[in-house]
């Protein structure tokens, strides 16, 4: 069974332009610039609403496999969802991230996502550190082809 969300050829900029709330659109552009700066990658739209950077192939013991972005974000209506796969794929990275999360500001999280309601609620320098560490971890775990 493969991941149903796949990379598309849709325009990231056009997607951002469709975001209803002006401040959420501005924040999406701020996150876009941060992720581009950290990864050095061009963004790709995954499914209808996830902006991803890089790609890797995974395979679980269960036999499930697929391709997924190394990192990315989705400017959801209520909160930005940041997909930080390094902390999900590597327990040591998850442990190292705890200190940075203590300094980040206001956030919540799921298994591989960090949720931020407003960028004004977080320290953007710390967020950039987290994204950079996560990117480095993913590249070590899944060396780019």
N, C-alpha and C. Protein backbone atom coordinates (compact mmCIF):
# COMPACT_ATOMS: atom_id res chain seq x y z
N UNK A 1 0.84 -1.18 0.00
CA UNK A 1 0.00 0.00 0.00
C UNK A 1 0.89 1.24 0.00
N UNK A 2 0.64 2.15 -0.90
CA UNK A 2 1.45 3.36 -1.03
C UNK A 2 0.70 4.56 -0.45
N UNK A 3 1.46 5.61 -0.20
CA UNK A 3 0.89 6.86 0.28
C UNK A 3 -0.02 7.43 -0.79
N UNK A 4 -1.22 7.85 -0.43
CA UNK A 4 -2.17 8.39 -1.40
C UNK A 4 -1.83 9.82 -1.82
N UNK A 5 -1.13 10.54 -0.96
CA UNK A 5 -0.75 11.91 -1.28
C UNK A 5 0.55 11.89 -2.07
N UNK A 6 0.51 12.39 -3.28
CA UNK A 6 1.69 12.35 -4.15
C UNK A 6 2.03 13.74 -4.64
N UNK A 7 3.24 13.86 -5.12
CA UNK A 7 3.74 15.11 -5.67
C UNK A 7 2.97 15.44 -6.95
N UNK A 8 2.66 16.73 -7.11
CA UNK A 8 1.93 17.16 -8.30
C UNK A 8 2.76 18.19 -9.06
N UNK A 9 2.27 18.59 -10.19
CA UNK A 9 2.92 19.63 -10.99
C UNK A 9 2.25 20.98 -10.78
N UNK A 10 1.29 21.06 -9.87
CA UNK A 10 0.57 22.31 -9.61
C UNK A 10 1.54 23.37 -9.07
N UNK A 11 1.21 24.61 -9.29
CA UNK A 11 2.04 25.73 -8.88
C UNK A 11 1.88 26.02 -7.38
N UNK A 12 2.99 26.04 -6.68
CA UNK A 12 2.98 26.38 -5.25
C UNK A 12 2.50 27.82 -5.08
N UNK A 13 3.01 28.74 -5.88
CA UNK A 13 2.62 30.15 -5.78
C UNK A 13 1.12 30.33 -6.02
N UNK A 14 0.59 29.64 -7.02
CA UNK A 14 -0.85 29.75 -7.30
C UNK A 14 -1.65 29.19 -6.13
N UNK A 15 -1.17 28.09 -5.52
CA UNK A 15 -1.85 27.54 -4.35
C UNK A 15 -1.86 28.57 -3.22
N UNK A 16 -0.72 29.19 -2.94
CA UNK A 16 -0.65 30.18 -1.86
C UNK A 16 -1.58 31.35 -2.15
N UNK A 17 -1.68 31.74 -3.41
CA UNK A 17 -2.57 32.84 -3.78
C UNK A 17 -4.05 32.53 -3.49
N UNK A 18 -4.40 31.25 -3.38
CA UNK A 18 -5.80 30.88 -3.13
C UNK A 18 -6.17 30.89 -1.65
N UNK A 19 -5.20 31.07 -0.77
CA UNK A 19 -5.49 31.08 0.67
C UNK A 19 -6.33 32.30 0.99
N UNK A 20 -7.49 32.07 1.61
CA UNK A 20 -8.47 33.14 1.84
C UNK A 20 -7.96 34.26 2.75
N UNK A 21 -7.44 33.90 3.88
CA UNK A 21 -7.05 34.89 4.88
C UNK A 21 -5.71 35.53 4.52
N UNK A 22 -5.67 36.85 4.42
CA UNK A 22 -4.46 37.56 3.98
C UNK A 22 -3.25 37.26 4.87
N UNK A 23 -3.44 37.29 6.18
CA UNK A 23 -2.29 37.04 7.09
C UNK A 23 -1.80 35.60 6.94
N UNK A 24 -2.68 34.65 6.75
CA UNK A 24 -2.28 33.25 6.56
C UNK A 24 -1.49 33.11 5.26
N UNK A 25 -1.88 33.86 4.23
CA UNK A 25 -1.14 33.87 2.96
C UNK A 25 0.26 34.42 3.17
N UNK A 26 0.37 35.54 3.91
CA UNK A 26 1.68 36.13 4.20
C UNK A 26 2.56 35.16 4.98
N UNK A 27 1.98 34.50 5.96
CA UNK A 27 2.73 33.54 6.75
C UNK A 27 3.18 32.35 5.91
N UNK A 28 2.33 31.92 4.97
CA UNK A 28 2.72 30.83 4.07
C UNK A 28 3.94 31.24 3.25
N UNK A 29 3.97 32.49 2.82
CA UNK A 29 5.14 32.98 2.06
C UNK A 29 6.38 33.06 2.96
N UNK A 30 6.20 33.42 4.22
CA UNK A 30 7.33 33.43 5.16
C UNK A 30 7.88 32.02 5.36
N UNK A 31 6.98 31.06 5.54
CA UNK A 31 7.42 29.67 5.70
C UNK A 31 8.08 29.16 4.43
N UNK A 32 7.52 29.51 3.28
CA UNK A 32 8.10 29.12 2.00
C UNK A 32 9.55 29.60 1.91
N UNK A 33 9.79 30.86 2.24
CA UNK A 33 11.15 31.41 2.19
C UNK A 33 12.07 30.70 3.17
N UNK A 34 11.58 30.41 4.37
CA UNK A 34 12.39 29.72 5.37
C UNK A 34 12.79 28.33 4.87
N UNK A 35 11.82 27.56 4.39
CA UNK A 35 12.11 26.20 3.92
C UNK A 35 13.02 26.20 2.69
N UNK A 36 12.83 27.15 1.78
CA UNK A 36 13.70 27.24 0.61
C UNK A 36 15.13 27.57 1.04
N UNK A 37 15.27 28.49 1.98
CA UNK A 37 16.59 28.89 2.48
C UNK A 37 17.30 27.70 3.14
N UNK A 38 16.59 26.98 3.98
CA UNK A 38 17.19 25.86 4.72
C UNK A 38 17.52 24.69 3.80
N UNK A 39 16.59 24.34 2.91
CA UNK A 39 16.76 23.12 2.12
C UNK A 39 17.53 23.34 0.82
N UNK A 40 17.47 24.55 0.28
CA UNK A 40 18.06 24.79 -1.03
C UNK A 40 17.29 24.11 -2.15
N UNK A 41 16.10 23.61 -1.84
CA UNK A 41 15.26 22.89 -2.80
C UNK A 41 14.13 23.78 -3.31
N UNK A 42 13.65 23.44 -4.49
CA UNK A 42 12.45 24.09 -5.02
C UNK A 42 11.24 23.39 -4.43
N UNK A 43 10.22 24.13 -4.05
CA UNK A 43 9.04 23.51 -3.46
C UNK A 43 8.20 22.80 -4.51
N UNK A 44 7.53 21.75 -4.06
CA UNK A 44 6.57 21.02 -4.90
C UNK A 44 5.29 20.88 -4.10
N UNK A 45 4.17 20.92 -4.80
CA UNK A 45 2.89 20.71 -4.13
C UNK A 45 2.62 19.21 -4.07
N UNK A 46 2.33 18.72 -2.87
CA UNK A 46 1.98 17.33 -2.63
C UNK A 46 0.49 17.31 -2.33
N UNK A 47 -0.27 16.60 -3.17
CA UNK A 47 -1.71 16.66 -3.04
C UNK A 47 -2.17 18.08 -3.29
N UNK A 48 -3.34 18.44 -2.79
CA UNK A 48 -3.85 19.78 -3.08
C UNK A 48 -3.34 20.88 -2.16
N UNK A 49 -2.65 20.53 -1.02
CA UNK A 49 -2.39 21.60 -0.06
C UNK A 49 -1.12 21.47 0.77
N UNK A 50 -0.21 20.59 0.41
CA UNK A 50 1.03 20.44 1.17
C UNK A 50 2.20 20.89 0.31
N UNK A 51 3.00 21.79 0.85
CA UNK A 51 4.18 22.29 0.14
C UNK A 51 5.38 21.51 0.66
N UNK A 52 5.98 20.71 -0.20
CA UNK A 52 7.06 19.82 0.22
C UNK A 52 8.38 20.15 -0.43
N UNK A 53 9.44 19.70 0.26
CA UNK A 53 10.82 19.93 -0.19
C UNK A 53 11.56 18.62 -0.15
N UNK A 54 12.21 18.27 -1.26
CA UNK A 54 12.92 17.01 -1.33
C UNK A 54 11.95 15.84 -1.32
N UNK A 55 12.53 14.66 -1.38
CA UNK A 55 11.73 13.44 -1.45
C UNK A 55 12.57 12.27 -0.95
N UNK A 56 11.92 11.27 -0.41
CA UNK A 56 12.62 10.04 -0.03
C UNK A 56 11.66 8.87 -0.18
N UNK A 57 12.22 7.68 -0.27
CA UNK A 57 11.42 6.47 -0.37
C UNK A 57 11.49 5.75 0.96
N UNK A 58 10.33 5.34 1.47
CA UNK A 58 10.28 4.60 2.73
C UNK A 58 9.67 3.22 2.50
N UNK A 59 10.02 2.31 3.39
CA UNK A 59 9.42 0.98 3.37
C UNK A 59 9.36 0.48 4.81
N UNK A 60 8.15 0.17 5.27
CA UNK A 60 7.94 -0.31 6.63
C UNK A 60 8.01 -1.84 6.67
N UNK A 61 8.21 -2.37 7.85
CA UNK A 61 8.24 -3.83 8.04
C UNK A 61 6.94 -4.48 7.57
N UNK A 62 5.85 -3.72 7.64
CA UNK A 62 4.54 -4.24 7.24
C UNK A 62 4.43 -4.44 5.72
N UNK A 63 5.40 -3.89 4.99
CA UNK A 63 5.35 -3.96 3.54
C UNK A 63 4.84 -2.67 2.90
N UNK A 64 4.26 -1.80 3.71
CA UNK A 64 3.82 -0.51 3.17
C UNK A 64 5.05 0.29 2.76
N UNK A 65 4.97 0.91 1.58
CA UNK A 65 6.08 1.73 1.10
C UNK A 65 5.54 2.85 0.24
N UNK A 66 6.39 3.80 0.01
CA UNK A 66 5.99 4.92 -0.83
C UNK A 66 7.05 5.99 -0.87
N UNK A 67 6.70 7.09 -1.48
CA UNK A 67 7.58 8.24 -1.58
C UNK A 67 6.91 9.39 -0.83
N UNK A 68 7.71 10.18 -0.16
CA UNK A 68 7.17 11.28 0.62
C UNK A 68 8.19 12.41 0.64
N UNK A 69 7.75 13.59 0.97
CA UNK A 69 8.66 14.73 1.04
C UNK A 69 9.57 14.58 2.26
N UNK A 70 10.76 15.15 2.17
CA UNK A 70 11.68 15.13 3.31
C UNK A 70 11.20 16.08 4.39
N UNK A 71 10.63 17.19 4.00
CA UNK A 71 10.08 18.17 4.92
C UNK A 71 9.10 19.04 4.16
N UNK A 72 8.31 19.80 4.88
CA UNK A 72 7.37 20.69 4.22
C UNK A 72 6.36 21.25 5.20
N UNK A 73 5.34 21.89 4.64
CA UNK A 73 4.31 22.48 5.49
C UNK A 73 3.02 22.63 4.70
N UNK A 74 1.95 22.80 5.45
CA UNK A 74 0.66 23.09 4.85
C UNK A 74 0.01 24.23 5.63
N UNK A 75 -0.32 25.31 4.95
CA UNK A 75 -0.96 26.43 5.63
C UNK A 75 -2.46 26.16 5.80
N UNK A 76 -2.79 25.35 6.79
CA UNK A 76 -4.19 24.98 7.04
C UNK A 76 -4.95 26.17 7.62
N UNK A 77 -6.26 26.10 7.56
CA UNK A 77 -7.10 27.20 8.00
C UNK A 77 -6.86 27.56 9.47
N UNK A 78 -6.85 26.56 10.34
CA UNK A 78 -6.69 26.83 11.78
C UNK A 78 -5.23 26.98 12.18
N UNK A 79 -4.38 26.10 11.67
CA UNK A 79 -2.96 26.10 12.07
C UNK A 79 -2.10 25.70 10.88
N UNK A 80 -0.86 26.17 10.90
CA UNK A 80 0.12 25.68 9.94
C UNK A 80 0.57 24.31 10.41
N UNK A 81 0.62 23.35 9.52
CA UNK A 81 1.15 22.02 9.83
C UNK A 81 2.53 21.92 9.21
N UNK A 82 3.55 21.75 10.04
CA UNK A 82 4.91 21.58 9.54
C UNK A 82 5.27 20.11 9.62
N UNK A 83 5.64 19.53 8.50
CA UNK A 83 5.99 18.12 8.42
C UNK A 83 7.49 17.98 8.62
N UNK A 84 7.86 17.52 9.80
CA UNK A 84 9.27 17.39 10.18
C UNK A 84 9.58 15.92 10.36
N UNK A 85 9.92 15.27 9.26
CA UNK A 85 10.05 13.82 9.22
C UNK A 85 11.25 13.29 9.98
N UNK A 86 12.30 14.10 10.14
CA UNK A 86 13.51 13.64 10.83
C UNK A 86 13.24 13.20 12.25
N UNK A 87 12.42 13.95 12.97
CA UNK A 87 12.08 13.60 14.34
C UNK A 87 11.15 12.40 14.42
N UNK A 88 10.45 12.12 13.33
CA UNK A 88 9.58 10.95 13.26
C UNK A 88 10.38 9.70 12.90
N UNK A 89 11.36 9.86 12.02
CA UNK A 89 12.15 8.73 11.53
C UNK A 89 13.34 8.40 12.43
N UNK A 90 13.72 9.31 13.31
CA UNK A 90 14.93 9.12 14.11
C UNK A 90 14.68 9.57 15.56
N UNK A 91 14.73 8.63 16.49
CA UNK A 91 14.46 8.94 17.89
C UNK A 91 15.47 9.92 18.47
N UNK A 92 16.72 9.82 18.05
CA UNK A 92 17.76 10.73 18.56
C UNK A 92 17.44 12.17 18.15
N UNK A 93 16.97 12.37 16.92
CA UNK A 93 16.58 13.71 16.48
C UNK A 93 15.39 14.21 17.29
N UNK A 94 14.43 13.34 17.55
CA UNK A 94 13.27 13.73 18.35
C UNK A 94 13.71 14.17 19.75
N UNK A 95 14.67 13.48 20.32
CA UNK A 95 15.17 13.82 21.65
C UNK A 95 15.92 15.17 21.63
N UNK A 96 16.76 15.38 20.62
CA UNK A 96 17.51 16.64 20.50
C UNK A 96 16.57 17.83 20.30
N UNK A 97 15.45 17.59 19.67
CA UNK A 97 14.51 18.66 19.35
C UNK A 97 13.82 19.22 20.59
N UNK A 98 13.74 18.43 21.65
CA UNK A 98 12.99 18.86 22.85
C UNK A 98 13.48 20.20 23.39
N UNK A 99 14.78 20.40 23.45
CA UNK A 99 15.33 21.66 23.97
C UNK A 99 14.92 22.83 23.09
N UNK A 100 14.92 22.63 21.80
CA UNK A 100 14.53 23.71 20.89
C UNK A 100 13.03 24.01 21.02
N UNK A 101 12.24 22.98 21.20
CA UNK A 101 10.80 23.19 21.36
C UNK A 101 10.51 24.01 22.62
N UNK A 102 11.32 23.81 23.65
CA UNK A 102 11.16 24.60 24.88
C UNK A 102 11.37 26.08 24.62
N UNK A 103 12.19 26.42 23.62
CA UNK A 103 12.50 27.81 23.29
C UNK A 103 11.62 28.37 22.17
N UNK A 104 10.87 27.51 21.51
CA UNK A 104 10.15 27.92 20.30
C UNK A 104 9.02 28.91 20.55
N UNK A 105 8.23 28.68 21.58
CA UNK A 105 7.06 29.52 21.80
C UNK A 105 5.83 28.65 21.88
N UNK A 106 4.73 29.12 21.29
CA UNK A 106 3.44 28.45 21.38
C UNK A 106 3.25 27.50 20.19
N UNK A 107 3.07 26.22 20.47
CA UNK A 107 2.94 25.21 19.43
C UNK A 107 2.24 23.98 20.02
N UNK A 108 1.87 23.06 19.15
CA UNK A 108 1.41 21.73 19.55
C UNK A 108 1.96 20.78 18.50
N UNK A 109 1.81 19.48 18.73
CA UNK A 109 2.34 18.57 17.72
C UNK A 109 1.61 17.24 17.69
N UNK A 110 1.81 16.57 16.55
CA UNK A 110 1.35 15.22 16.35
C UNK A 110 2.59 14.37 16.18
N UNK A 111 2.44 13.19 15.59
CA UNK A 111 3.58 12.29 15.45
C UNK A 111 4.72 12.88 14.61
N UNK A 112 4.40 13.38 13.44
CA UNK A 112 5.45 13.95 12.57
C UNK A 112 5.18 15.41 12.23
N UNK A 113 4.19 16.01 12.87
CA UNK A 113 3.83 17.39 12.56
C UNK A 113 4.00 18.30 13.76
N UNK A 114 4.39 19.51 13.45
CA UNK A 114 4.43 20.59 14.42
C UNK A 114 3.35 21.57 13.98
N UNK A 115 2.45 21.92 14.89
CA UNK A 115 1.34 22.80 14.56
C UNK A 115 1.57 24.18 15.18
N UNK A 116 1.46 25.20 14.35
CA UNK A 116 1.64 26.58 14.79
C UNK A 116 0.43 27.38 14.31
N UNK A 117 -0.25 28.03 15.25
CA UNK A 117 -1.43 28.82 14.89
C UNK A 117 -1.03 30.09 14.16
N UNK A 118 -0.10 30.85 14.75
CA UNK A 118 0.37 32.10 14.14
C UNK A 118 1.89 32.14 14.27
N UNK A 119 2.56 32.60 13.23
CA UNK A 119 4.02 32.69 13.30
C UNK A 119 4.47 33.70 14.35
N UNK A 120 3.63 34.67 14.66
CA UNK A 120 3.98 35.63 15.72
C UNK A 120 4.11 34.95 17.08
N UNK A 121 3.56 33.75 17.22
CA UNK A 121 3.60 33.01 18.48
C UNK A 121 4.90 32.25 18.70
N UNK A 122 5.78 32.24 17.68
CA UNK A 122 7.02 31.45 17.81
C UNK A 122 8.24 32.29 17.48
N UNK A 123 9.38 31.82 17.95
CA UNK A 123 10.67 32.43 17.64
C UNK A 123 11.11 31.86 16.30
N UNK A 124 11.12 32.69 15.27
CA UNK A 124 11.41 32.22 13.92
C UNK A 124 12.84 31.71 13.78
N UNK A 125 13.79 32.24 14.55
CA UNK A 125 15.16 31.74 14.50
C UNK A 125 15.23 30.31 15.03
N UNK A 126 14.49 30.04 16.10
CA UNK A 126 14.45 28.68 16.66
C UNK A 126 13.74 27.75 15.67
N UNK A 127 12.67 28.22 15.06
CA UNK A 127 11.97 27.40 14.07
C UNK A 127 12.92 27.03 12.93
N UNK A 128 13.72 27.99 12.49
CA UNK A 128 14.68 27.71 11.41
C UNK A 128 15.71 26.67 11.87
N UNK A 129 16.16 26.74 13.11
CA UNK A 129 17.08 25.73 13.65
C UNK A 129 16.44 24.34 13.61
N UNK A 130 15.18 24.26 14.00
CA UNK A 130 14.47 22.98 14.02
C UNK A 130 14.36 22.41 12.61
N UNK A 131 13.95 23.24 11.66
CA UNK A 131 13.81 22.78 10.27
C UNK A 131 15.17 22.35 9.72
N UNK A 132 16.22 23.12 10.01
CA UNK A 132 17.57 22.79 9.51
C UNK A 132 18.07 21.47 10.11
N UNK A 133 17.89 21.29 11.41
CA UNK A 133 18.32 20.03 12.04
C UNK A 133 17.56 18.85 11.47
N UNK A 134 16.27 19.05 11.27
CA UNK A 134 15.43 17.99 10.72
C UNK A 134 15.86 17.63 9.31
N UNK A 135 16.15 18.64 8.50
CA UNK A 135 16.59 18.43 7.11
C UNK A 135 17.91 17.64 7.10
N UNK A 136 18.81 18.03 7.97
CA UNK A 136 20.10 17.34 8.07
C UNK A 136 19.91 15.87 8.46
N UNK A 137 19.03 15.61 9.40
CA UNK A 137 18.74 14.24 9.82
C UNK A 137 18.18 13.42 8.68
N UNK A 138 17.22 13.98 7.95
CA UNK A 138 16.64 13.24 6.82
C UNK A 138 17.68 12.94 5.76
N UNK A 139 18.56 13.89 5.50
CA UNK A 139 19.59 13.64 4.49
C UNK A 139 20.60 12.59 4.95
N UNK A 140 20.83 12.49 6.26
CA UNK A 140 21.71 11.44 6.79
C UNK A 140 21.03 10.08 6.73
N UNK A 141 19.74 10.04 7.07
CA UNK A 141 19.01 8.77 7.07
C UNK A 141 18.72 8.27 5.66
N UNK A 142 18.42 9.19 4.78
CA UNK A 142 18.05 8.87 3.38
C UNK A 142 18.88 9.76 2.48
N UNK A 143 20.15 9.37 2.24
CA UNK A 143 21.02 10.22 1.40
C UNK A 143 20.37 10.51 0.05
N UNK A 144 20.41 11.78 -0.35
CA UNK A 144 19.82 12.15 -1.65
C UNK A 144 20.50 11.39 -2.79
N UNK A 145 19.72 11.04 -3.78
CA UNK A 145 20.24 10.30 -4.92
C UNK A 145 21.08 11.18 -5.82
